[in-house]
Amino acid sequence: MTPTSDAARRVNEKIADDLQRDIEAEKYKAGEKLPAVRTIAEHFGVAPGTATKALQLLAQRGVVRPDSTRGYFVRAQPERQAPAEPSGEFTAIMQQIEAIRDHLARLDQRLQQVEQTRGSD
């Protein structure tokens, strides 16, 4: 990632964190509509797209729910998503990757030994 995209992501996260704190402090109550994207953008001094991404992050966190025509609304209770257990396929792939890493490490050691042997000739 470029430094710009990392910085932009941090801005999105900061805005989302600030809005979430406001929601937790009940500045915005359950069922209440959040301010418009443009209002949030002006408040934080960012582009509307950045404010939208922050709101989308809050939706991913389960703190707000989007309504495609009316905006974003505070959920009654934030939905807590339990971390997903890795699938069997994912676990198998990760085991294969680890085996490949081990094999490469052994090959690297063998290459170093060959180079040392040739260097001492």
Protein backbone atom coordinates (compact mmCIF):
# COMPACT_ATOMS: atom_id res chain seq x y z
CA MET A 1 0.00 0.00 0.00
CA THR A 2 1.07 3.52 -0.62
CA PRO A 3 1.59 5.91 2.29
CA THR A 4 -1.37 7.94 1.03
CA SER A 5 -3.76 4.99 1.19
CA ASP A 6 -2.52 4.10 4.69
CA ALA A 7 -3.03 7.70 5.80
CA ALA A 8 -6.49 7.80 4.24
CA ARG A 9 -7.44 4.57 5.97
CA ARG A 10 -6.28 5.98 9.30
CA VAL A 11 -8.45 9.08 8.72
CA ASN A 12 -11.47 6.86 7.95
CA GLU A 13 -10.82 4.85 11.10
CA LYS A 14 -10.37 7.98 13.24
CA ILE A 15 -13.66 9.43 12.03
CA ALA A 16 -15.41 6.08 12.58
CA ASP A 17 -13.87 5.80 16.07
CA ASP A 18 -14.97 9.36 16.95
CA LEU A 19 -18.52 8.73 15.73
CA GLN A 20 -18.63 5.40 17.58
CA ARG A 21 -17.57 7.15 20.80
CA ASP A 22 -20.38 9.68 20.26
CA ILE A 23 -22.84 6.81 19.79
CA GLU A 24 -21.58 5.00 22.90
CA ALA A 25 -21.87 8.28 24.86
CA GLU A 26 -25.47 8.41 23.56
CA LYS A 27 -24.97 11.67 21.67
CA TYR A 28 -26.82 9.70 18.98
CA LYS A 29 -29.43 7.35 20.38
CA ALA A 30 -30.55 3.95 19.06
CA GLY A 31 -32.68 4.35 15.95
CA GLU A 32 -31.58 7.95 15.44
CA LYS A 33 -30.31 9.10 12.06
CA LEU A 34 -26.70 10.24 11.95
CA PRO A 35 -25.88 13.59 10.34
CA ALA A 36 -25.67 13.67 6.55
CA VAL A 37 -22.41 12.61 4.88
CA ARG A 38 -21.69 16.21 3.83
CA THR A 39 -22.23 17.44 7.39
CA ILE A 40 -19.84 14.82 8.75
CA ALA A 41 -17.31 15.66 6.02
CA GLU A 42 -17.46 19.37 6.86
CA HIS A 43 -17.19 18.68 10.60
CA PHE A 44 -14.03 16.60 10.15
CA GLY A 45 -12.65 18.66 7.26
CA VAL A 46 -12.55 15.76 4.81
CA ALA A 47 -14.04 14.87 1.45
CA PRO A 48 -17.55 13.36 1.42
CA GLY A 49 -16.09 10.10 0.11
CA THR A 50 -13.89 9.84 3.20
CA ALA A 51 -16.90 10.43 5.46
CA THR A 52 -18.83 7.77 3.54
CA LYS A 53 -16.01 5.25 4.02
CA ALA A 54 -16.02 5.98 7.77
CA LEU A 55 -19.77 5.36 7.90
CA GLN A 56 -19.35 2.14 5.92
CA LEU A 57 -16.75 1.05 8.48
CA LEU A 58 -19.26 1.70 11.26
CA ALA A 59 -21.79 -0.39 9.36
CA GLN A 60 -19.24 -3.21 9.10
CA ARG A 61 -18.71 -2.97 12.84
CA GLY A 62 -22.47 -3.30 13.34
CA VAL A 63 -22.78 0.09 15.02
CA VAL A 64 -25.00 1.68 12.37
CA ARG A 65 -27.24 0.42 9.61
CA PRO A 66 -27.38 2.05 6.21
CA ASP A 67 -30.64 2.96 4.52
CA SER A 68 -29.92 3.47 0.83
CA THR A 69 -32.28 6.42 0.53
CA ARG A 70 -32.27 8.02 3.96
CA GLY A 71 -28.75 7.72 5.40
CA TYR A 72 -27.23 5.89 8.35
CA PHE A 73 -29.05 5.01 11.56
CA VAL A 74 -27.73 3.95 14.96
CA ARG A 75 -28.45 0.30 15.71
CA ALA A 76 -30.31 -0.57 18.90
CA GLN A 77 -27.36 -2.59 20.12
CA PRO A 78 -24.09 -2.89 18.27
CA GLU A 79 -23.84 -6.29 16.67
CA ARG A 80 -20.80 -8.11 17.91
CA GLN A 81 -19.47 -10.50 15.34
CA ALA A 82 -17.51 -13.41 16.66
CA PRO A 83 -14.31 -14.01 14.78
CA ALA A 84 -14.90 -16.62 12.12
CA GLU A 85 -13.15 -19.94 12.54
CA PRO A 86 -10.82 -20.68 9.66
CA SER A 87 -12.22 -23.18 7.20
CA GLY A 88 -10.60 -26.57 6.72
CA GLU A 89 -9.44 -25.48 3.28
CA PHE A 90 -7.79 -22.36 4.71
CA THR A 91 -6.05 -24.41 7.40
CA ALA A 92 -4.79 -26.90 4.79
CA ILE A 93 -3.45 -24.09 2.60
CA MET A 94 -1.67 -22.49 5.56
CA GLN A 95 -0.09 -25.86 6.43
CA GLN A 96 1.12 -26.21 2.84
CA ILE A 97 2.58 -22.71 2.93
CA GLU A 98 4.41 -23.53 6.16
CA ALA A 99 5.79 -26.74 4.61
CA ILE A 100 6.99 -24.74 1.60
CA ARG A 101 8.68 -22.22 3.90
CA ASP A 102 10.44 -25.03 5.78
CA HIS A 103 11.57 -26.58 2.49
CA LEU A 104 12.90 -23.25 1.24
CA ALA A 105 14.79 -22.72 4.49
CA ARG A 106 16.44 -26.15 4.11
CA LEU A 107 17.33 -25.38 0.48
CA ASP A 108 18.82 -22.07 1.53
CA GLN A 109 20.97 -23.83 4.14
CA ARG A 110 22.15 -26.36 1.57
CA LEU A 111 22.98 -23.58 -0.89
CA GLN A 112 25.01 -21.76 1.74
CA GLN A 113 26.91 -24.97 2.52
CA VAL A 114 27.67 -25.49 -1.19
CA GLU A 115 28.83 -21.90 -1.55
CA GLN A 116 31.06 -22.22 1.53
CA THR A 117 32.54 -25.47 0.20
CA ARG A 118 33.26 -23.93 -3.20
CA GLY A 119 34.68 -20.82 -1.54
CA SER A 120 37.20 -22.87 0.43
CA ASP A 121 38.45 -24.70 -2.72
